[in-house]
Amino acid sequence: MNTSIKITIEDWDGDGAIRIPDEALQEMGVDVGDSLYLVEEFVGNRQCLILTSAPKLPDPIDELVEELTQSTQNLAVAPATTAM
């Protein structure tokens, strides 16, 4: 499920800071003390920052190649028979 929550950048002793609402943490299944990653990605042609619990977002092409590779390996090829 994709959820969008507007977060305001606040000033914290001269640095930019964001507060992550409890509802967002609960939606992600994380709590105080857990590690999160801010990943730079492009959605279409727009640069976005994505908050995730994974250090890197999977590349859709890599996922497709892996799925195709597994599907090919799982195919059982019957030996050819010749008529005599």
PDB file of N, CA and C in Angstrom:
ATOM      1  N   MET A   1       0.838  -1.177   0.000  1.00  0.00           N
ATOM      2  CA  MET A   1       0.000   0.000   0.000  1.00  0.00           C
ATOM      3  C   MET A   1       0.884   1.242   0.000  1.00  0.00           C
ATOM      4  N   ASN A   2       0.619   2.155  -0.889  1.00  0.00           N
ATOM      5  CA  ASN A   2       1.357   3.415  -0.939  1.00  0.00           C
ATOM      6  C   ASN A   2       0.613   4.454  -0.128  1.00  0.00           C
ATOM      7  N   THR A   3       1.314   5.067   0.797  1.00  0.00           N
ATOM      8  CA  THR A   3       0.726   6.087   1.626  1.00  0.00           C
ATOM      9  C   THR A   3       1.563   7.344   1.525  1.00  0.00           C
ATOM     10  N   SER A   4       0.894   8.474   1.396  1.00  0.00           N
ATOM     11  CA  SER A   4       1.581   9.756   1.341  1.00  0.00           C
ATOM     12  C   SER A   4       1.216  10.559   2.575  1.00  0.00           C
ATOM     13  N   ILE A   5       2.233  11.031   3.282  1.00  0.00           N
ATOM     14  CA  ILE A   5       2.018  11.861   4.465  1.00  0.00           C
ATOM     15  C   ILE A   5       2.847  13.120   4.303  1.00  0.00           C
ATOM     16  N   LYS A   6       2.220  14.261   4.461  1.00  0.00           N
ATOM     17  CA  LYS A   6       2.941  15.527   4.353  1.00  0.00           C
ATOM     18  C   LYS A   6       3.721  15.760   5.644  1.00  0.00           C
ATOM     19  N   ILE A   7       5.026  15.994   5.499  1.00  0.00           N
ATOM     20  CA  ILE A   7       5.897  16.241   6.647  1.00  0.00           C
ATOM     21  C   ILE A   7       6.589  17.576   6.425  1.00  0.00           C
ATOM     22  N   THR A   8       6.586  18.433   7.436  1.00  0.00           N
ATOM     23  CA  THR A   8       7.210  19.743   7.345  1.00  0.00           C
ATOM     24  C   THR A   8       8.635  19.684   7.875  1.00  0.00           C
ATOM     25  N   ILE A   9       9.563  20.298   7.143  1.00  0.00           N
ATOM     26  CA  ILE A   9      10.946  20.381   7.609  1.00  0.00           C
ATOM     27  C   ILE A   9      11.015  21.485   8.650  1.00  0.00           C
ATOM     28  N   GLU A  10      11.521  21.135   9.823  1.00  0.00           N
ATOM     29  CA  GLU A  10      11.600  22.072  10.941  1.00  0.00           C
ATOM     30  C   GLU A  10      13.053  22.437  11.220  1.00  0.00           C
ATOM     31  N   ASP A  11      13.262  23.506  11.968  1.00  0.00           N
ATOM     32  CA  ASP A  11      14.601  23.920  12.376  1.00  0.00           C
ATOM     33  C   ASP A  11      14.924  23.255  13.707  1.00  0.00           C
ATOM     34  N   TRP A  12      16.070  22.575  13.761  1.00  0.00           N
ATOM     35  CA  TRP A  12      16.511  21.930  14.994  1.00  0.00           C
ATOM     36  C   TRP A  12      17.962  22.325  15.219  1.00  0.00           C
ATOM     37  N   ASP A  13      18.160  23.351  16.008  1.00  0.00           N
ATOM     38  CA  ASP A  13      19.486  23.897  16.297  1.00  0.00           C
ATOM     39  C   ASP A  13      20.269  24.226  15.022  1.00  0.00           C
ATOM     40  N   GLY A  14      19.596  24.838  14.067  1.00  0.00           N
ATOM     41  CA  GLY A  14      20.242  25.250  12.832  1.00  0.00           C
ATOM     42  C   GLY A  14      20.257  24.198  11.744  1.00  0.00           C
ATOM     43  N   ASP A  15      19.834  22.972  12.043  1.00  0.00           N
ATOM     44  CA  ASP A  15      19.775  21.894  11.042  1.00  0.00           C
ATOM     45  C   ASP A  15      18.321  21.637  10.666  1.00  0.00           C
ATOM     46  N   GLY A  16      18.133  21.175   9.461  1.00  0.00           N
ATOM     47  CA  GLY A  16      16.792  20.765   9.052  1.00  0.00           C
ATOM     48  C   GLY A  16      16.442  19.446   9.709  1.00  0.00           C
ATOM     49  N   ALA A  17      15.223  19.331  10.181  1.00  0.00           N
ATOM     50  CA  ALA A  17      14.791  18.096  10.847  1.00  0.00           C
ATOM     51  C   ALA A  17      13.345  17.805  10.477  1.00  0.00           C
ATOM     52  N   ILE A  18      13.025  16.520  10.454  1.00  0.00           N
ATOM     53  CA  ILE A  18      11.633  16.127  10.232  1.00  0.00           C
ATOM     54  C   ILE A  18      11.175  15.266  11.404  1.00  0.00           C
ATOM     55  N   ARG A  19       9.936  15.405  11.736  1.00  0.00           N
ATOM     56  CA  ARG A  19       9.301  14.556  12.730  1.00  0.00           C
ATOM     57  C   ARG A  19       8.450  13.540  11.993  1.00  0.00           C
ATOM     58  N   ILE A  20       8.636  12.294  12.301  1.00  0.00           N
ATOM     59  CA  ILE A  20       7.857  11.251  11.638  1.00  0.00           C
ATOM     60  C   ILE A  20       6.674  10.919  12.537  1.00  0.00           C
ATOM     61  N   PRO A  21       5.469  11.164  12.063  1.00  0.00           N
ATOM     62  CA  PRO A  21       4.281  10.896  12.882  1.00  0.00           C
ATOM     63  C   PRO A  21       4.168   9.421  13.257  1.00  0.00           C
ATOM     64  N   ASP A  22       3.613   9.157  14.428  1.00  0.00           N
ATOM     65  CA  ASP A  22       3.416   7.780  14.895  1.00  0.00           C
ATOM     66  C   ASP A  22       2.652   6.940  13.885  1.00  0.00           C
ATOM     67  N   GLU A  23       1.653   7.541  13.224  1.00  0.00           N
ATOM     68  CA  GLU A  23       0.858   6.783  12.253  1.00  0.00           C
ATOM     69  C   GLU A  23       1.731   6.280  11.099  1.00  0.00           C
ATOM     70  N   ALA A  24       2.728   7.073  10.685  1.00  0.00           N
ATOM     71  CA  ALA A  24       3.636   6.643   9.621  1.00  0.00           C
ATOM     72  C   ALA A  24       4.524   5.505  10.111  1.00  0.00           C
ATOM     73  N   LEU A  25       5.030   5.605  11.335  1.00  0.00           N
ATOM     74  CA  LEU A  25       5.861   4.537  11.898  1.00  0.00           C
ATOM     75  C   LEU A  25       5.068   3.239  12.020  1.00  0.00           C
ATOM     76  N   GLN A  26       3.832   3.356  12.470  1.00  0.00           N
ATOM     77  CA  GLN A  26       2.983   2.169  12.611  1.00  0.00           C
ATOM     78  C   GLN A  26       2.691   1.549  11.251  1.00  0.00           C
ATOM     79  N   GLU A  27       2.450   2.391  10.245  1.00  0.00           N
ATOM     80  CA  GLU A  27       2.177   1.903   8.889  1.00  0.00           C
ATOM     81  C   GLU A  27       3.367   1.118   8.342  1.00  0.00           C
ATOM     82  N   MET A  28       4.585   1.576   8.686  1.00  0.00           N
ATOM     83  CA  MET A  28       5.802   0.912   8.227  1.00  0.00           C
ATOM     84  C   MET A  28       6.177  -0.279   9.101  1.00  0.00           C
ATOM     85  N   GLY A  29       5.566  -0.398  10.272  1.00  0.00           N
ATOM     86  CA  GLY A  29       5.882  -1.495  11.178  1.00  0.00           C
ATOM     87  C   GLY A  29       7.194  -1.301  11.909  1.00  0.00           C
ATOM     88  N   VAL A  30       7.566  -0.045  12.158  1.00  0.00           N
ATOM     89  CA  VAL A  30       8.809   0.258  12.870  1.00  0.00           C
ATOM     90  C   VAL A  30       8.490   1.052  14.132  1.00  0.00           C
ATOM     91  N   ASP A  31       9.502   1.157  15.000  1.00  0.00           N
ATOM     92  CA  ASP A  31       9.308   1.866  16.266  1.00  0.00           C
ATOM     93  C   ASP A  31      10.582   2.636  16.584  1.00  0.00           C
ATOM     94  N   VAL A  32      10.523   3.412  17.639  1.00  0.00           N
ATOM     95  CA  VAL A  32      11.676   4.189  18.084  1.00  0.00           C
ATOM     96  C   VAL A  32      12.857   3.247  18.305  1.00  0.00           C
ATOM     97  N   GLY A  33      14.019   3.611  17.770  1.00  0.00           N
ATOM     98  CA  GLY A  33      15.216   2.790  17.898  1.00  0.00           C
ATOM     99  C   GLY A  33      15.510   1.950  16.662  1.00  0.00           C
ATOM    100  N   ASP A  34      14.517   1.740  15.795  1.00  0.00           N
ATOM    101  CA  ASP A  34      14.736   0.998  14.552  1.00  0.00           C
ATOM    102  C   ASP A  34      15.478   1.881  13.553  1.00  0.00           C
ATOM    103  N   SER A  35      16.176   1.260  12.622  1.00  0.00           N
ATOM    104  CA  SER A  35      16.887   2.005  11.579  1.00  0.00           C
ATOM    105  C   SER A  35      16.007   2.172  10.350  1.00  0.00           C
ATOM    106  N   LEU A  36      16.038   3.372   9.792  1.00  0.00           N
ATOM    107  CA  LEU A  36      15.347   3.666   8.541  1.00  0.00           C
ATOM    108  C   LEU A  36      16.345   4.285   7.579  1.00  0.00           C
ATOM    109  N   TYR A  37      16.043   4.204   6.294  1.00  0.00           N
ATOM    110  CA  TYR A  37      16.919   4.741   5.263  1.00  0.00           C
ATOM    111  C   TYR A  37      16.137   5.728   4.413  1.00  0.00           C
ATOM    112  N   LEU A  38      16.788   6.810   4.042  1.00  0.00           N
ATOM    113  CA  LEU A  38      16.215   7.801   3.146  1.00  0.00           C
ATOM    114  C   LEU A  38      16.862   7.564   1.786  1.00  0.00           C
ATOM    115  N   VAL A  39      16.086   7.050   0.835  1.00  0.00           N
ATOM    116  CA  VAL A  39      16.607   6.638  -0.460  1.00  0.00           C
ATOM    117  C   VAL A  39      16.160   7.630  -1.523  1.00  0.00           C
ATOM    118  N   GLU A  40      17.107   8.078  -2.346  1.00  0.00           N
ATOM    119  CA  GLU A  40      16.804   8.978  -3.455  1.00  0.00           C
ATOM    120  C   GLU A  40      16.409   8.140  -4.659  1.00  0.00           C
ATOM    121  N   GLU A  41      15.236   8.368  -5.188  1.00  0.00           N
ATOM    122  CA  GLU A  41      14.724   7.625  -6.334  1.00  0.00           C
ATOM    123  C   GLU A  41      14.024   8.584  -7.284  1.00  0.00           C
ATOM    124  N   PHE A  42      13.846   8.159  -8.512  1.00  0.00           N
ATOM    125  CA  PHE A  42      13.059   8.917  -9.468  1.00  0.00           C
ATOM    126  C   PHE A  42      11.745   8.183  -9.670  1.00  0.00           C
ATOM    127  N   VAL A  43      10.657   8.907  -9.566  1.00  0.00           N
ATOM    128  CA  VAL A  43       9.338   8.383  -9.871  1.00  0.00           C
ATOM    129  C   VAL A  43       8.924   9.108 -11.142  1.00  0.00           C
ATOM    130  N   GLY A  44       8.961   8.379 -12.254  1.00  0.00           N
ATOM    131  CA  GLY A  44       8.812   9.036 -13.550  1.00  0.00           C
ATOM    132  C   GLY A  44      10.065   9.877 -13.767  1.00  0.00           C
ATOM    133  N   ASN A  45       9.891  11.164 -13.955  1.00  0.00           N
ATOM    134  CA  ASN A  45      11.048  12.043 -14.113  1.00  0.00           C
ATOM    135  C   ASN A  45      11.213  12.980 -12.921  1.00  0.00           C
ATOM    136  N   ARG A  46      10.547  12.669 -11.820  1.00  0.00           N
ATOM    137  CA  ARG A  46      10.602  13.512 -10.628  1.00  0.00           C
ATOM    138  C   ARG A  46      11.471  12.867  -9.547  1.00  0.00           C
ATOM    139  N   GLN A  47      12.408  13.632  -9.018  1.00  0.00           N
ATOM    140  CA  GLN A  47      13.291  13.141  -7.958  1.00  0.00           C
ATOM    141  C   GLN A  47      12.526  13.107  -6.640  1.00  0.00           C
ATOM    142  N   CYS A  48      12.618  11.988  -5.936  1.00  0.00           N
ATOM    143  CA  CYS A  48      11.887  11.816  -4.683  1.00  0.00           C
ATOM    144  C   CYS A  48      12.801  11.243  -3.611  1.00  0.00           C
ATOM    145  N   LEU A  49      12.478  11.497  -2.372  1.00  0.00           N
ATOM    146  CA  LEU A  49      13.132  10.860  -1.239  1.00  0.00           C
ATOM    147  C   LEU A  49      12.123   9.893  -0.642  1.00  0.00           C
ATOM    148  N   ILE A  50      12.541   8.653  -0.466  1.00  0.00           N
ATOM    149  CA  ILE A  50      11.647   7.616   0.033  1.00  0.00           C
ATOM    150  C   ILE A  50      12.197   7.103   1.356  1.00  0.00           C
ATOM    151  N   LEU A  51      11.354   7.059   2.363  1.00  0.00           N
ATOM    152  CA  LEU A  51      11.718   6.527   3.673  1.00  0.00           C
ATOM    153  C   LEU A  51      11.397   5.042   3.678  1.00  0.00           C
ATOM    154  N   THR A  52      12.409   4.218   3.956  1.00  0.00           N
ATOM    155  CA  THR A  52      12.217   2.779   3.875  1.00  0.00           C
ATOM    156  C   THR A  52      12.998   2.064   4.974  1.00  0.00           C
ATOM    157  N   SER A  53      12.597   0.857   5.286  1.00  0.00           N
ATOM    158  CA  SER A  53      13.325   0.062   6.272  1.00  0.00           C
ATOM    159  C   SER A  53      14.392  -0.798   5.590  1.00  0.00           C
ATOM    160  N   ALA A  54      14.459  -0.752   4.254  1.00  0.00           N
ATOM    161  CA  ALA A  54      15.481  -1.489   3.490  1.00  0.00           C
ATOM    162  C   ALA A  54      16.579  -0.512   3.061  1.00  0.00           C
ATOM    163  N   PRO A  55      17.844  -0.931   3.113  1.00  0.00           N
ATOM    164  CA  PRO A  55      18.924  -0.017   2.747  1.00  0.00           C
ATOM    165  C   PRO A  55      18.901   0.397   1.280  1.00  0.00           C
ATOM    166  N   LYS A  56      18.270  -0.408   0.421  1.00  0.00           N
ATOM    167  CA  LYS A  56      18.201  -0.089  -1.002  1.00  0.00           C
ATOM    168  C   LYS A  56      16.883  -0.615  -1.539  1.00  0.00           C
ATOM    169  N   LEU A  57      16.234   0.176  -2.361  1.00  0.00           N
ATOM    170  CA  LEU A  57      15.003  -0.285  -2.990  1.00  0.00           C
ATOM    171  C   LEU A  57      15.358  -1.235  -4.129  1.00  0.00           C
ATOM    172  N   PRO A  58      14.609  -2.310  -4.269  1.00  0.00           N
ATOM    173  CA  PRO A  58      14.911  -3.241  -5.352  1.00  0.00           C
ATOM    174  C   PRO A  58      14.636  -2.590  -6.702  1.00  0.00           C
ATOM    175  N   ASP A  59      15.504  -2.869  -7.664  1.00  0.00           N
ATOM    176  CA  ASP A  59      15.316  -2.370  -9.020  1.00  0.00           C
ATOM    177  C   ASP A  59      14.296  -3.276  -9.708  1.00  0.00           C
ATOM    178  N   PRO A  60      13.227  -2.713 -10.270  1.00  0.00           N
ATOM    179  CA  PRO A  60      12.208  -3.556 -10.917  1.00  0.00           C
ATOM    180  C   PRO A  60      12.788  -4.445 -12.016  1.00  0.00           C
ATOM    181  N   ILE A  61      13.787  -3.962 -12.747  1.00  0.00           N
ATOM    182  CA  ILE A  61      14.403  -4.772 -13.809  1.00  0.00           C
ATOM    183  C   ILE A  61      15.124  -5.972 -13.195  1.00  0.00           C
ATOM    184  N   ASP A  62      15.857  -5.742 -12.088  1.00  0.00           N
ATOM    185  CA  ASP A  62      16.548  -6.845 -11.418  1.00  0.00           C
ATOM    186  C   ASP A  62      15.550  -7.890 -10.942  1.00  0.00           C
ATOM    187  N   GLU A  63      14.416  -7.436 -10.418  1.00  0.00           N
ATOM    188  CA  GLU A  63      13.397  -8.379  -9.949  1.00  0.00           C
ATOM    189  C   GLU A  63      12.835  -9.194 -11.108  1.00  0.00           C
ATOM    190  N   LEU A  64      12.601  -8.559 -12.266  1.00  0.00           N
ATOM    191  CA  LEU A  64      12.086  -9.277 -13.429  1.00  0.00           C
ATOM    192  C   LEU A  64      13.099 -10.306 -13.933  1.00  0.00           C
ATOM    193  N   VAL A  65      14.377  -9.919 -13.996  1.00  0.00           N
ATOM    194  CA  VAL A  65      15.417 -10.843 -14.459  1.00  0.00           C
ATOM    195  C   VAL A  65      15.503 -12.034 -13.511  1.00  0.00           C
ATOM    196  N   GLU A  66      15.457 -11.778 -12.202  1.00  0.00           N
ATOM    197  CA  GLU A  66      15.521 -12.867 -11.230  1.00  0.00           C
ATOM    198  C   GLU A  66      14.324 -13.809 -11.389  1.00  0.00           C
ATOM    199  N   GLU A  67      13.139 -13.239 -11.575  1.00  0.00           N
ATOM    200  CA  GLU A  67      11.937 -14.064 -11.734  1.00  0.00           C
ATOM    201  C   GLU A  67      12.012 -14.893 -13.013  1.00  0.00           C
ATOM    202  N   LEU A  68      12.460 -14.279 -14.105  1.00  0.00           N
ATOM    203  CA  LEU A  68      12.589 -15.020 -15.363  1.00  0.00           C
ATOM    204  C   LEU A  68      13.642 -16.111 -15.252  1.00  0.00           C
ATOM    205  N   THR A  69      14.738 -15.829 -14.572  1.00  0.00           N
ATOM    206  CA  THR A  69      15.804 -16.819 -14.394  1.00  0.00           C
ATOM    207  C   THR A  69      15.279 -18.018 -13.606  1.00  0.00           C
ATOM    208  N   GLN A  70      14.542 -17.739 -12.527  1.00  0.00           N
ATOM    209  CA  GLN A  70      13.990 -18.823 -11.715  1.00  0.00           C
ATOM    210  C   GLN A  70      12.971 -19.627 -12.511  1.00  0.00           C
ATOM    211  N   SER A  71      12.138 -18.944 -13.300  1.00  0.00           N
ATOM    212  CA  SER A  71      11.135 -19.642 -14.108  1.00  0.00           C
ATOM    213  C   SER A  71      11.796 -20.552 -15.128  1.00  0.00           C
ATOM    214  N   THR A  72      12.869 -20.075 -15.755  1.00  0.00           N
ATOM    215  CA  THR A  72      13.580 -20.864 -16.752  1.00  0.00           C
ATOM    216  C   THR A  72      14.228 -22.081 -16.115  1.00  0.00           C
ATOM    217  N   GLN A  73      14.807 -21.905 -14.921  1.00  0.00           N
ATOM    218  CA  GLN A  73      15.461 -23.015 -14.235  1.00  0.00           C
ATOM    219  C   GLN A  73      14.445 -24.060 -13.787  1.00  0.00           C
ATOM    220  N   ASN A  74      13.223 -23.644 -13.522  1.00  0.00           N
ATOM    221  CA  ASN A  74      12.200 -24.566 -13.042  1.00  0.00           C
ATOM    222  C   ASN A  74      11.516 -25.347 -14.163  1.00  0.00           C
ATOM    223  N   LEU A  75      11.745 -24.942 -15.410  1.00  0.00           N
ATOM    224  CA  LEU A  75      11.124 -25.656 -16.525  1.00  0.00           C
ATOM    225  C   LEU A  75      11.807 -27.009 -16.710  1.00  0.00           C
ATOM    226  N   ALA A  76      11.011 -28.015 -16.803  1.00  0.00           N
ATOM    227  CA  ALA A  76      11.559 -29.355 -17.046  1.00  0.00           C
ATOM    228  C   ALA A  76      11.479 -29.617 -18.542  1.00  0.00           C
ATOM    229  N   VAL A  77      12.618 -29.856 -19.138  1.00  0.00           N
ATOM    230  CA  VAL A  77      12.655 -30.131 -20.571  1.00  0.00           C
ATOM    231  C   VAL A  77      12.679 -31.642 -20.769  1.00  0.00           C
ATOM    232  N   ALA A  78      11.684 -32.160 -21.472  1.00  0.00           N
ATOM    233  CA  ALA A  78      11.615 -33.610 -21.717  1.00  0.00           C
ATOM    234  C   ALA A  78      12.623 -33.978 -22.793  1.00  0.00           C
ATOM    235  N   PRO A  79      13.284 -35.102 -22.633  1.00  0.00           N
ATOM    236  CA  PRO A  79      14.239 -35.524 -23.665  1.00  0.00           C
ATOM    237  C   PRO A  79      13.538 -35.802 -24.966  1.00  0.00           C
ATOM    238  N   ALA A  80      14.190 -35.479 -26.052  1.00  0.00           N
ATOM    239  CA  ALA A  80      13.603 -35.705 -27.380  1.00  0.00           C
ATOM    240  C   ALA A  80      13.609 -37.195 -27.701  1.00  0.00           C
ATOM    241  N   THR A  81      12.540 -37.646 -28.269  1.00  0.00           N
ATOM    242  CA  THR A  81      12.473 -39.057 -28.684  1.00  0.00           C
ATOM    243  C   THR A  81      12.433 -39.118 -30.204  1.00  0.00           C
ATOM    244  N   THR A  82      13.036 -40.105 -30.755  1.00  0.00           N
ATOM    245  CA  THR A  82      13.033 -40.258 -32.206  1.00  0.00           C
ATOM    246  C   THR A  82      12.275 -41.532 -32.561  1.00  0.00           C
ATOM    247  N   ALA A  83      11.551 -41.457 -33.633  1.00  0.00           N
ATOM    248  CA  ALA A  83      10.787 -42.624 -34.100  1.00  0.00           C
ATOM    249  C   ALA A  83      11.679 -43.481 -34.972  1.00  0.00           C
ATOM    250  N   MET A  84      11.575 -44.782 -34.802  1.00  0.00           N
ATOM    251  CA  MET A  84      12.381 -45.699 -35.616  1.00  0.00           C
ATOM    252  C   MET A  84      11.506 -46.525 -36.457  1.00  0.00           C
TER     253      MET A  84
END
